[in-house]
Amino acid sequence: SFEKNLSEGNVAKQLILFSLPFLASNIIQSLYSVADMLIVGRFSGTTSMSGVNLGSQVTLILTNIVVGLCAGGTVLIAQYLGAKRRKTTATLLTTLTMAAIAITVLMLILKKPILHLIQTPAESFAEADRYLTVTVLGLIFIFGYNVFSAVMRGMGDSKRPLYFVAIACVCNIFLDRLLVGVFRMEAKGAAIATEVSQAISML
């Protein structure tokens, strides 16, 4: 069972034990772009690395928006679980799926103006655009992982989301080495590695 009553026993200890995996999950999730950048820099050079760096800055902002929305969902699930009302999960999943689709469409339209806005250098613009395009198309997986994590955390389980994102991080590094190091796909390969790993984490 995912459910765990955090109000039983020593509440301070329960909250600390609950929050540590939550913090670790967020840190690991933010390391995707660091792994991408380091491996692309090693195998594809500074232009591709710059493209990944700039594209990942936009992706990180989007990820933080998703995490914030899902954190609100965690609170609602915990409240409704305490009140023995169990219909909020489907509502959260439906709402955030619609949000993911809307943000994906909006970002595909605005990605080039955004890259110009953050003053992306001309020599790395194409690589940043490729990286951002793939990561935007994979936003549904970022939403998915965070929605399911929000559900589990709302039920008192913060460890399983940590396990899932840790597995995905290892997959990301392996796929980065394969797609960037072996197949020489540069920034696009790093983005594909990240999104496949996010999909694995969600599934």
N, C-alpha and C. Protein backbone atom coordinates (compact mmCIF):
# COMPACT_ATOMS: atom_id res chain seq x y z
N SER A 1 0.84 -1.20 0.00
CA SER A 1 0.00 0.00 0.00
C SER A 1 0.88 1.25 0.00
N PHE A 2 0.42 2.31 -0.70
CA PHE A 2 1.16 3.56 -0.71
C PHE A 2 0.84 4.41 0.52
N GLU A 3 -0.29 4.14 1.16
CA GLU A 3 -0.77 5.02 2.21
C GLU A 3 0.06 4.88 3.48
N LYS A 4 0.37 6.04 4.07
CA LYS A 4 1.10 6.07 5.33
C LYS A 4 0.61 7.27 6.12
N ASN A 5 0.19 7.05 7.35
CA ASN A 5 -0.33 8.12 8.19
C ASN A 5 0.82 8.83 8.89
N LEU A 6 1.10 10.08 8.44
CA LEU A 6 2.22 10.83 8.99
C LEU A 6 1.91 11.45 10.35
N SER A 7 0.65 11.35 10.77
CA SER A 7 0.27 11.94 12.07
C SER A 7 0.46 10.95 13.22
N GLU A 8 0.84 9.73 12.89
CA GLU A 8 1.05 8.73 13.94
C GLU A 8 2.50 8.71 14.37
N GLY A 9 2.73 8.47 15.68
CA GLY A 9 4.09 8.43 16.20
C GLY A 9 4.67 9.83 16.36
N ASN A 10 6.00 9.93 16.28
CA ASN A 10 6.70 11.21 16.42
C ASN A 10 6.54 12.00 15.12
N VAL A 11 5.73 13.06 15.17
CA VAL A 11 5.39 13.81 13.96
C VAL A 11 6.63 14.47 13.34
N ALA A 12 7.50 15.07 14.17
CA ALA A 12 8.70 15.73 13.65
C ALA A 12 9.59 14.73 12.91
N LYS A 13 9.77 13.57 13.50
CA LYS A 13 10.59 12.53 12.85
C LYS A 13 9.95 12.07 11.55
N GLN A 14 8.62 11.90 11.57
CA GLN A 14 7.91 11.47 10.36
C GLN A 14 8.07 12.48 9.24
N LEU A 15 7.99 13.76 9.58
CA LEU A 15 8.11 14.81 8.56
C LEU A 15 9.51 14.86 7.96
N ILE A 16 10.52 14.68 8.82
CA ILE A 16 11.91 14.69 8.34
C ILE A 16 12.15 13.50 7.41
N LEU A 17 11.70 12.31 7.84
CA LEU A 17 11.87 11.10 7.03
C LEU A 17 11.10 11.20 5.71
N PHE A 18 9.97 11.92 5.74
CA PHE A 18 9.18 12.12 4.52
C PHE A 18 9.85 13.12 3.58
N SER A 19 10.42 14.19 4.15
CA SER A 19 10.93 15.29 3.32
C SER A 19 12.28 14.97 2.66
N LEU A 20 13.11 14.15 3.30
CA LEU A 20 14.44 13.88 2.74
C LEU A 20 14.38 13.20 1.36
N PRO A 21 13.57 12.14 1.18
CA PRO A 21 13.45 11.58 -0.18
C PRO A 21 12.84 12.56 -1.18
N PHE A 22 11.94 13.41 -0.72
CA PHE A 22 11.32 14.42 -1.57
C PHE A 22 12.37 15.40 -2.09
N LEU A 23 13.23 15.88 -1.18
CA LEU A 23 14.30 16.80 -1.57
C LEU A 23 15.29 16.12 -2.51
N ALA A 24 15.65 14.87 -2.18
CA ALA A 24 16.59 14.14 -3.02
C ALA A 24 16.02 13.92 -4.43
N SER A 25 14.72 13.64 -4.53
CA SER A 25 14.08 13.45 -5.84
C SER A 25 14.18 14.71 -6.69
N ASN A 26 13.93 15.87 -6.06
CA ASN A 26 13.99 17.13 -6.80
C ASN A 26 15.41 17.44 -7.26
N ILE A 27 16.39 17.13 -6.41
CA ILE A 27 17.80 17.37 -6.78
C ILE A 27 18.19 16.48 -7.95
N ILE A 28 17.83 15.20 -7.88
CA ILE A 28 18.17 14.26 -8.96
C ILE A 28 17.49 14.68 -10.26
N GLN A 29 16.23 15.12 -10.16
CA GLN A 29 15.50 15.53 -11.37
C GLN A 29 16.18 16.73 -12.04
N SER A 30 16.76 17.60 -11.23
CA SER A 30 17.43 18.78 -11.79
C SER A 30 18.81 18.43 -12.38
N LEU A 31 19.33 17.23 -12.07
CA LEU A 31 20.65 16.84 -12.56
C LEU A 31 20.63 16.27 -13.97
N TYR A 32 19.42 16.04 -14.51
CA TYR A 32 19.34 15.54 -15.89
C TYR A 32 20.14 16.44 -16.84
N SER A 33 19.88 17.75 -16.76
CA SER A 33 20.52 18.67 -17.70
C SER A 33 22.02 18.77 -17.45
N VAL A 34 22.44 18.59 -16.19
CA VAL A 34 23.88 18.62 -15.89
C VAL A 34 24.57 17.44 -16.57
N ALA A 35 23.96 16.25 -16.45
CA ALA A 35 24.52 15.06 -17.12
C ALA A 35 24.56 15.26 -18.63
N ASP A 36 23.47 15.80 -19.17
CA ASP A 36 23.42 16.07 -20.62
C ASP A 36 24.56 16.98 -21.04
N MET A 37 24.75 18.06 -20.28
CA MET A 37 25.73 19.06 -20.65
C MET A 37 27.16 18.51 -20.58
N LEU A 38 27.46 17.76 -19.52
CA LEU A 38 28.80 17.21 -19.36
C LEU A 38 29.14 16.21 -20.46
N ILE A 39 28.19 15.32 -20.77
CA ILE A 39 28.46 14.29 -21.77
C ILE A 39 28.50 14.89 -23.18
N VAL A 40 27.61 15.84 -23.46
CA VAL A 40 27.65 16.52 -24.77
C VAL A 40 28.94 17.31 -24.91
N GLY A 41 29.35 17.98 -23.83
CA GLY A 41 30.60 18.74 -23.87
C GLY A 41 31.80 17.86 -24.15
N ARG A 42 31.77 16.64 -23.61
CA ARG A 42 32.90 15.72 -23.81
C ARG A 42 32.96 15.18 -25.24
N PHE A 43 31.80 14.84 -25.80
CA PHE A 43 31.78 14.15 -27.09
C PHE A 43 31.47 15.05 -28.29
N SER A 44 30.82 16.20 -28.05
CA SER A 44 30.33 17.00 -29.19
C SER A 44 30.88 18.43 -29.22
N GLY A 45 31.60 18.86 -28.20
CA GLY A 45 32.21 20.17 -28.25
C GLY A 45 31.39 21.27 -27.60
N THR A 46 31.97 22.46 -27.59
CA THR A 46 31.39 23.58 -26.83
C THR A 46 30.12 24.14 -27.45
N THR A 47 29.98 24.09 -28.77
CA THR A 47 28.77 24.63 -29.40
C THR A 47 27.55 23.84 -28.98
N SER A 48 27.65 22.52 -29.05
CA SER A 48 26.54 21.66 -28.63
C SER A 48 26.29 21.79 -27.13
N MET A 49 27.37 21.89 -26.35
CA MET A 49 27.22 22.02 -24.90
C MET A 49 26.50 23.32 -24.56
N SER A 50 26.84 24.39 -25.26
CA SER A 50 26.16 25.67 -25.06
C SER A 50 24.68 25.56 -25.41
N GLY A 51 24.38 24.84 -26.50
CA GLY A 51 22.98 24.65 -26.89
C GLY A 51 22.20 23.90 -25.83
N VAL A 52 22.80 22.85 -25.27
CA VAL A 52 22.16 22.09 -24.20
C VAL A 52 21.96 22.96 -22.97
N ASN A 53 22.97 23.74 -22.63
CA ASN A 53 22.90 24.62 -21.46
C ASN A 53 21.75 25.60 -21.58
N LEU A 54 21.64 26.25 -22.72
CA LEU A 54 20.59 27.26 -22.91
C LEU A 54 19.20 26.62 -23.01
N GLY A 55 19.12 25.51 -23.74
CA GLY A 55 17.84 24.82 -23.85
C GLY A 55 17.36 24.27 -22.52
N SER A 56 18.31 23.76 -21.73
CA SER A 56 17.95 23.17 -20.44
C SER A 56 17.51 24.22 -19.43
N GLN A 57 17.98 25.47 -19.59
CA GLN A 57 17.52 26.54 -18.68
C GLN A 57 16.02 26.76 -18.84
N VAL A 58 15.55 26.75 -20.08
CA VAL A 58 14.12 26.90 -20.32
C VAL A 58 13.37 25.68 -19.80
N THR A 59 13.92 24.49 -20.07
CA THR A 59 13.29 23.25 -19.60
C THR A 59 13.20 23.22 -18.08
N LEU A 60 14.24 23.71 -17.41
CA LEU A 60 14.26 23.72 -15.94
C LEU A 60 13.15 24.61 -15.39
N ILE A 61 12.91 25.76 -16.03
CA ILE A 61 11.82 26.64 -15.61
C ILE A 61 10.48 25.91 -15.75
N LEU A 62 10.29 25.22 -16.87
CA LEU A 62 9.05 24.47 -17.10
C LEU A 62 8.90 23.35 -16.07
N THR A 63 10.00 22.66 -15.76
CA THR A 63 9.96 21.58 -14.77
C THR A 63 9.57 22.12 -13.40
N ASN A 64 10.12 23.27 -13.04
CA ASN A 64 9.79 23.87 -11.74
C ASN A 64 8.32 24.29 -11.67
N ILE A 65 7.77 24.75 -12.80
CA ILE A 65 6.33 25.07 -12.86
C ILE A 65 5.51 23.81 -12.62
N VAL A 66 5.92 22.71 -13.27
CA VAL A 66 5.22 21.43 -13.10
C VAL A 66 5.30 20.96 -11.64
N VAL A 67 6.50 21.03 -11.06
CA VAL A 67 6.69 20.60 -9.66
C VAL A 67 5.80 21.43 -8.73
N GLY A 68 5.72 22.74 -8.99
CA GLY A 68 4.88 23.61 -8.17
C GLY A 68 3.40 23.25 -8.27
N LEU A 69 2.94 23.00 -9.49
CA LEU A 69 1.53 22.61 -9.68
C LEU A 69 1.24 21.29 -8.99
N CYS A 70 2.16 20.36 -9.10
CA CYS A 70 1.95 19.04 -8.51
C CYS A 70 2.06 19.07 -6.98
N ALA A 71 2.85 20.00 -6.46
CA ALA A 71 2.93 20.14 -5.00
C ALA A 71 1.57 20.54 -4.43
N GLY A 72 0.86 21.40 -5.17
CA GLY A 72 -0.50 21.74 -4.75
C GLY A 72 -1.41 20.52 -4.79
N GLY A 73 -1.19 19.66 -5.78
CA GLY A 73 -1.97 18.42 -5.86
C GLY A 73 -1.70 17.49 -4.70
N THR A 74 -0.43 17.45 -4.25
CA THR A 74 -0.07 16.63 -3.09
C THR A 74 -0.87 17.04 -1.86
N VAL A 75 -0.98 18.35 -1.65
CA VAL A 75 -1.73 18.87 -0.50
C VAL A 75 -3.20 18.46 -0.58
N LEU A 76 -3.79 18.62 -1.76
CA LEU A 76 -5.20 18.26 -1.94
C LEU A 76 -5.44 16.77 -1.69
N ILE A 77 -4.55 15.94 -2.23
CA ILE A 77 -4.71 14.50 -2.05
C ILE A 77 -4.61 14.13 -0.58
N ALA A 78 -3.65 14.73 0.12
CA ALA A 78 -3.51 14.45 1.55
C ALA A 78 -4.76 14.89 2.32
N GLN A 79 -5.30 16.05 1.97
CA GLN A 79 -6.51 16.54 2.64
C GLN A 79 -7.70 15.61 2.40
N TYR A 80 -7.89 15.23 1.13
CA TYR A 80 -9.03 14.38 0.79
C TYR A 80 -8.86 12.96 1.33
N LEU A 81 -7.61 12.50 1.40
CA LEU A 81 -7.35 11.19 1.98
C LEU A 81 -7.75 11.18 3.46
N GLY A 82 -7.39 12.27 4.14
CA GLY A 82 -7.76 12.39 5.55
C GLY A 82 -9.26 12.47 5.74
N ALA A 83 -9.96 13.05 4.77
CA ALA A 83 -11.41 13.18 4.85
C ALA A 83 -12.14 11.98 4.24
N LYS A 84 -11.33 10.95 3.81
CA LYS A 84 -11.90 9.72 3.21
C LYS A 84 -12.61 10.00 1.89
N ARG A 85 -12.16 11.03 1.17
CA ARG A 85 -12.72 11.32 -0.16
C ARG A 85 -11.64 11.02 -1.20
N ARG A 86 -11.94 10.14 -2.16
CA ARG A 86 -10.89 9.56 -2.98
C ARG A 86 -11.02 9.88 -4.47
N LYS A 87 -11.72 10.93 -4.83
CA LYS A 87 -11.94 11.23 -6.25
C LYS A 87 -10.99 12.29 -6.79
N THR A 88 -10.10 12.82 -5.96
CA THR A 88 -9.28 13.94 -6.40
C THR A 88 -8.16 13.53 -7.35
N THR A 89 -7.70 12.26 -7.30
CA THR A 89 -6.59 11.82 -8.14
C THR A 89 -6.92 11.93 -9.62
N ALA A 90 -8.10 11.47 -10.01
CA ALA A 90 -8.51 11.54 -11.42
C ALA A 90 -8.61 12.99 -11.89
N THR A 91 -9.13 13.85 -11.01
CA THR A 91 -9.25 15.28 -11.35
C THR A 91 -7.87 15.89 -11.56
N LEU A 92 -6.94 15.57 -10.65
CA LEU A 92 -5.58 16.09 -10.76
C LEU A 92 -4.93 15.62 -12.06
N LEU A 93 -5.06 14.34 -12.36
CA LEU A 93 -4.45 13.78 -13.56
C LEU A 93 -5.03 14.41 -14.82
N THR A 94 -6.35 14.58 -14.87
CA THR A 94 -7.00 15.17 -16.03
C THR A 94 -6.58 16.63 -16.22
N THR A 95 -6.61 17.39 -15.12
CA THR A 95 -6.27 18.82 -15.19
C THR A 95 -4.83 19.03 -15.65
N LEU A 96 -3.90 18.26 -15.07
CA LEU A 96 -2.50 18.46 -15.42
C LEU A 96 -2.14 17.89 -16.79
N THR A 97 -2.88 16.89 -17.25
CA THR A 97 -2.68 16.42 -18.62
C THR A 97 -3.09 17.51 -19.61
N MET A 98 -4.21 18.17 -19.34
CA MET A 98 -4.64 19.29 -20.18
C MET A 98 -3.63 20.43 -20.14
N ALA A 99 -3.09 20.69 -18.95
CA ALA A 99 -2.07 21.74 -18.81
C ALA A 99 -0.82 21.38 -19.59
N ALA A 100 -0.42 20.10 -19.54
CA ALA A 100 0.77 19.65 -20.27
C ALA A 100 0.60 19.86 -21.78
N ILE A 101 -0.57 19.52 -22.30
CA ILE A 101 -0.84 19.69 -23.73
C ILE A 101 -0.81 21.17 -24.10
N ALA A 102 -1.45 21.99 -23.28
CA ALA A 102 -1.51 23.44 -23.56
C ALA A 102 -0.10 24.06 -23.53
N ILE A 103 0.69 23.72 -22.52
CA ILE A 103 2.04 24.29 -22.40
C ILE A 103 2.93 23.79 -23.54
N THR A 104 2.76 22.52 -23.93
CA THR A 104 3.54 21.97 -25.04
C THR A 104 3.27 22.75 -26.33
N VAL A 105 2.01 22.96 -26.64
CA VAL A 105 1.64 23.71 -27.86
C VAL A 105 2.18 25.14 -27.79
N LEU A 106 2.00 25.78 -26.64
CA LEU A 106 2.47 27.16 -26.47
C LEU A 106 3.98 27.26 -26.63
N MET A 107 4.72 26.30 -26.04
CA MET A 107 6.18 26.35 -26.11
C MET A 107 6.68 26.06 -27.52
N LEU A 108 6.00 25.18 -28.26
CA LEU A 108 6.41 24.92 -29.64
C LEU A 108 6.26 26.17 -30.50
N ILE A 109 5.28 26.99 -30.17
CA ILE A 109 5.08 28.25 -30.90
C ILE A 109 6.10 29.30 -30.48
N LEU A 110 6.41 29.34 -29.18
CA LEU A 110 7.22 30.44 -28.63
C LEU A 110 8.70 30.10 -28.42
N LYS A 111 9.12 28.87 -28.74
CA LYS A 111 10.49 28.46 -28.37
C LYS A 111 11.57 29.32 -29.03
N LYS A 112 11.39 29.63 -30.29
CA LYS A 112 12.41 30.46 -30.96
C LYS A 112 12.46 31.88 -30.38
N PRO A 113 11.29 32.57 -30.21
CA PRO A 113 11.35 33.88 -29.55
C PRO A 113 11.97 33.83 -28.16
N ILE A 114 11.70 32.76 -27.40
CA ILE A 114 12.27 32.63 -26.05
C ILE A 114 13.79 32.49 -26.13
N LEU A 115 14.28 31.68 -27.08
CA LEU A 115 15.73 31.53 -27.24
C LEU A 115 16.39 32.84 -27.64
N HIS A 116 15.69 33.63 -28.48
CA HIS A 116 16.20 34.97 -28.82
C HIS A 116 16.18 35.87 -27.57
N LEU A 117 15.13 35.73 -26.77
CA LEU A 117 14.99 36.57 -25.58
C LEU A 117 16.12 36.34 -24.58
N ILE A 118 16.57 35.10 -24.45
CA ILE A 118 17.66 34.81 -23.50
C ILE A 118 19.03 34.96 -24.17
N GLN A 119 19.03 35.58 -25.36
CA GLN A 119 20.25 35.95 -26.07
C GLN A 119 21.12 34.73 -26.40
N THR A 120 20.50 33.74 -27.00
CA THR A 120 21.23 32.55 -27.43
C THR A 120 22.17 32.93 -28.57
N PRO A 121 23.47 32.61 -28.46
CA PRO A 121 24.41 32.94 -29.53
C PRO A 121 24.04 32.25 -30.84
N ALA A 122 24.33 32.90 -31.93
CA ALA A 122 23.95 32.38 -33.25
C ALA A 122 24.55 31.01 -33.52
N GLU A 123 25.80 30.79 -33.08
CA GLU A 123 26.47 29.52 -33.39
C GLU A 123 25.89 28.32 -32.65
N SER A 124 25.22 28.58 -31.52
CA SER A 124 24.63 27.47 -30.77
C SER A 124 23.10 27.48 -30.81
N PHE A 125 22.52 28.39 -31.61
CA PHE A 125 21.06 28.52 -31.64
C PHE A 125 20.39 27.24 -32.14
N ALA A 126 20.93 26.66 -33.22
CA ALA A 126 20.31 25.46 -33.81
C ALA A 126 20.32 24.30 -32.81
N GLU A 127 21.43 24.14 -32.10
CA GLU A 127 21.53 23.05 -31.11
C GLU A 127 20.57 23.28 -29.94
N ALA A 128 20.48 24.52 -29.49
CA ALA A 128 19.55 24.85 -28.41
C ALA A 128 18.11 24.61 -28.85
N ASP A 129 17.82 24.95 -30.10
CA ASP A 129 16.46 24.76 -30.63
C ASP A 129 16.12 23.27 -30.71
N ARG A 130 17.07 22.45 -31.18
CA ARG A 130 16.83 21.00 -31.26
C ARG A 130 16.60 20.41 -29.86
N TYR A 131 17.43 20.81 -28.92
CA TYR A 131 17.31 20.29 -27.55
C TYR A 131 15.96 20.68 -26.95
N LEU A 132 15.61 21.95 -27.10
CA LEU A 132 14.37 22.45 -26.51
C LEU A 132 13.14 21.82 -27.19
N THR A 133 13.21 21.62 -28.50
CA THR A 133 12.07 21.02 -29.21
C THR A 133 11.76 19.63 -28.66
N VAL A 134 12.79 18.81 -28.50
CA VAL A 134 12.59 17.44 -28.01
C VAL A 134 12.08 17.45 -26.58
N THR A 135 12.68 18.29 -25.72
CA THR A 135 12.26 18.30 -24.31
C THR A 135 10.83 18.84 -24.15
N VAL A 136 10.46 19.79 -25.00
CA VAL A 136 9.08 20.31 -24.95
C VAL A 136 8.10 19.22 -25.39
N LEU A 137 8.45 18.48 -26.43
CA LEU A 137 7.58 17.39 -26.87
C LEU A 137 7.45 16.29 -25.81
N GLY A 138 8.43 16.21 -24.93
CA GLY A 138 8.38 15.22 -23.85
C GLY A 138 7.83 15.76 -22.54
N LEU A 139 7.26 16.97 -22.56
CA LEU A 139 6.72 17.55 -21.32
C LEU A 139 5.67 16.67 -20.67
N ILE A 140 4.93 15.92 -21.47
CA ILE A 140 3.88 15.06 -20.93
C ILE A 140 4.47 14.04 -19.96
N PHE A 141 5.72 13.61 -20.21
CA PHE A 141 6.36 12.64 -19.32
C PHE A 141 6.82 13.31 -18.02
N ILE A 142 7.27 14.57 -18.12
CA ILE A 142 7.65 15.32 -16.92
C ILE A 142 6.41 15.54 -16.05
N PHE A 143 5.32 15.94 -16.69
CA PHE A 143 4.05 16.08 -15.96
C PHE A 143 3.63 14.75 -15.35
N GLY A 144 3.70 13.69 -16.16
CA GLY A 144 3.25 12.38 -15.70
C GLY A 144 3.98 11.90 -14.47
N TYR A 145 5.33 11.97 -14.52
CA TYR A 145 6.11 11.53 -13.36
C TYR A 145 5.73 12.33 -12.12
N ASN A 146 5.63 13.64 -12.27
CA ASN A 146 5.35 14.50 -11.12
C ASN A 146 3.93 14.35 -10.60
N VAL A 147 2.98 14.06 -11.49
CA VAL A 147 1.60 13.80 -11.04
C VAL A 147 1.56 12.53 -10.19
N PHE A 148 2.15 11.45 -10.71
CA PHE A 148 2.12 10.19 -9.96
C PHE A 148 2.90 10.31 -8.65
N SER A 149 3.99 11.08 -8.68
CA SER A 149 4.76 11.32 -7.46
C SER A 149 3.93 12.11 -6.45
N ALA A 150 3.17 13.10 -6.95
CA ALA A 150 2.31 13.89 -6.08
C ALA A 150 1.26 13.01 -5.41
N VAL A 151 0.70 12.08 -6.18
CA VAL A 151 -0.30 11.16 -5.62
C VAL A 151 0.32 10.33 -4.50
N MET A 152 1.49 9.77 -4.78
CA MET A 152 2.14 8.92 -3.77
C MET A 152 2.53 9.71 -2.53
N ARG A 153 3.06 10.93 -2.75
CA ARG A 153 3.44 11.75 -1.60
C ARG A 153 2.22 12.18 -0.80
N GLY A 154 1.13 12.46 -1.50
CA GLY A 154 -0.10 12.82 -0.80
C GLY A 154 -0.63 11.69 0.06
N MET A 155 -0.26 10.46 -0.32
CA MET A 155 -0.66 9.29 0.46
C MET A 155 0.39 8.90 1.50
N GLY A 156 1.44 9.75 1.60
CA GLY A 156 2.45 9.55 2.64
C GLY A 156 3.68 8.79 2.21
N ASP A 157 3.82 8.49 0.89
CA ASP A 157 4.96 7.71 0.40
C ASP A 157 5.87 8.60 -0.45
N SER A 158 7.00 8.99 0.09
CA SER A 158 7.94 9.82 -0.67
C SER A 158 9.15 9.02 -1.16
N LYS A 159 9.22 7.73 -0.79
CA LYS A 159 10.39 6.92 -1.16
C LYS A 159 10.31 6.38 -2.58
N ARG A 160 9.14 5.88 -2.99
CA ARG A 160 9.02 5.31 -4.33
C ARG A 160 9.34 6.32 -5.44
N PRO A 161 8.84 7.58 -5.34
CA PRO A 161 9.24 8.55 -6.37
C PRO A 161 10.75 8.75 -6.46
N LEU A 162 11.44 8.66 -5.30
CA LEU A 162 12.90 8.77 -5.30
C LEU A 162 13.53 7.59 -6.04
N TYR A 163 13.03 6.38 -5.78
CA TYR A 163 13.57 5.20 -6.46
C TYR A 163 13.39 5.32 -7.97
N PHE A 164 12.19 5.77 -8.38
CA PHE A 164 11.89 5.85 -9.81
C PHE A 164 12.77 6.88 -10.52
N VAL A 165 12.96 8.04 -9.89
CA VAL A 165 13.76 9.08 -10.54
C VAL A 165 15.24 8.73 -10.52
N ALA A 166 15.68 7.97 -9.51
CA ALA A 166 17.08 7.52 -9.46
C ALA A 166 17.36 6.54 -10.60
N ILE A 167 16.42 5.61 -10.83
CA ILE A 167 16.55 4.66 -11.95
C ILE A 167 16.60 5.43 -13.27
N ALA A 168 15.72 6.43 -13.41
CA ALA A 168 15.68 7.23 -14.63
C ALA A 168 16.98 8.00 -14.85
N CYS A 169 17.58 8.47 -13.77
CA CYS A 169 18.84 9.23 -13.88
C CYS A 169 19.96 8.33 -14.42
N VAL A 170 20.01 7.10 -13.93
CA VAL A 170 21.00 6.13 -14.43
C VAL A 170 20.75 5.84 -15.91
N CYS A 171 19.48 5.66 -16.27
CA CYS A 171 19.11 5.43 -17.68
C CYS A 171 19.53 6.62 -18.54
N ASN A 172 19.34 7.82 -18.03
CA ASN A 172 19.70 9.03 -18.77
C ASN A 172 21.19 9.07 -19.08
N ILE A 173 22.01 8.74 -18.10
CA ILE A 173 23.46 8.76 -18.30
C ILE A 173 23.86 7.71 -19.34
N PHE A 174 23.28 6.50 -19.22
CA PHE A 174 23.57 5.43 -20.18
C PHE A 174 23.17 5.84 -21.60
N LEU A 175 21.95 6.39 -21.74
CA LEU A 175 21.46 6.79 -23.06
C LEU A 175 22.24 7.98 -23.62
N ASP A 176 22.66 8.90 -22.75
CA ASP A 176 23.52 10.00 -23.19
C ASP A 176 24.80 9.46 -23.82
N ARG A 177 25.43 8.51 -23.12
CA ARG A 177 26.67 7.93 -23.64
C ARG A 177 26.42 7.23 -24.98
N LEU A 178 25.27 6.56 -25.10
CA LEU A 178 24.96 5.83 -26.33
C LEU A 178 24.64 6.79 -27.49
N LEU A 179 23.68 7.69 -27.25
CA LEU A 179 23.20 8.55 -28.34
C LEU A 179 24.19 9.66 -28.69
N VAL A 180 24.87 10.19 -27.69
CA VAL A 180 25.81 11.29 -27.94
C VAL A 180 27.21 10.75 -28.24
N GLY A 181 27.66 9.79 -27.39
CA GLY A 181 29.01 9.28 -27.55
C GLY A 181 29.18 8.33 -28.71
N VAL A 182 28.20 7.46 -28.95
CA VAL A 182 28.32 6.44 -30.01
C VAL A 182 27.69 6.92 -31.32
N PHE A 183 26.43 7.39 -31.24
CA PHE A 183 25.71 7.77 -32.46
C PHE A 183 25.90 9.23 -32.85
N ARG A 184 26.62 10.00 -32.02
CA ARG A 184 26.98 11.39 -32.35
C ARG A 184 25.76 12.25 -32.68
N MET A 185 24.72 12.14 -31.87
CA MET A 185 23.49 12.91 -32.11
C MET A 185 23.50 14.28 -31.43
N GLU A 186 24.60 14.60 -30.75
CA GLU A 186 24.81 15.92 -30.14
C GLU A 186 23.66 16.31 -29.20
N ALA A 187 23.23 17.56 -29.25
CA ALA A 187 22.23 18.05 -28.29
C ALA A 187 20.90 17.31 -28.42
N LYS A 188 20.52 17.00 -29.64
CA LYS A 188 19.26 16.27 -29.85
C LYS A 188 19.30 14.90 -29.18
N GLY A 189 20.43 14.22 -29.26
CA GLY A 189 20.58 12.93 -28.61
C GLY A 189 20.45 13.03 -27.10
N ALA A 190 21.04 14.08 -26.53
CA ALA A 190 20.93 14.29 -25.08
C ALA A 190 19.48 14.54 -24.67
N ALA A 191 18.76 15.30 -25.49
CA ALA A 191 17.35 15.57 -25.19
C ALA A 191 16.50 14.31 -25.28
N ILE A 192 16.76 13.48 -26.30
CA ILE A 192 16.03 12.22 -26.43
C ILE A 192 16.31 11.33 -25.23
N ALA A 193 17.57 11.27 -24.80
CA ALA A 193 17.94 10.47 -23.63
C ALA A 193 17.18 10.92 -22.40
N THR A 194 17.08 12.22 -22.22
CA THR A 194 16.37 12.77 -21.06
C THR A 194 14.89 12.41 -21.09
N GLU A 195 14.26 12.56 -22.25
CA GLU A 195 12.83 12.31 -22.33
C GLU A 195 12.49 10.83 -22.25
N VAL A 196 13.32 9.97 -22.82
CA VAL A 196 13.10 8.52 -22.68
C VAL A 196 13.22 8.13 -21.21
N SER A 197 14.20 8.71 -20.52
CA SER A 197 14.39 8.42 -19.09
C SER A 197 13.21 8.91 -18.27
N GLN A 198 12.69 10.08 -18.60
CA GLN A 198 11.50 10.60 -17.91
C GLN A 198 10.31 9.69 -18.16
N ALA A 199 10.19 9.17 -19.39
CA ALA A 199 9.09 8.26 -19.70
C ALA A 199 9.21 6.97 -18.88
N ILE A 200 10.42 6.44 -18.78
CA ILE A 200 10.66 5.24 -17.96
C ILE A 200 10.28 5.51 -16.51
N SER A 201 10.68 6.67 -16.01
CA SER A 201 10.37 7.06 -14.63
C SER A 201 8.87 7.12 -14.41
N MET A 202 8.15 7.72 -15.36
CA MET A 202 6.70 7.84 -15.25
C MET A 202 6.04 6.46 -15.28
N LEU A 203 6.47 5.62 -16.23
CA LEU A 203 5.86 4.29 -16.39
C LEU A 203 6.12 3.41 -15.17
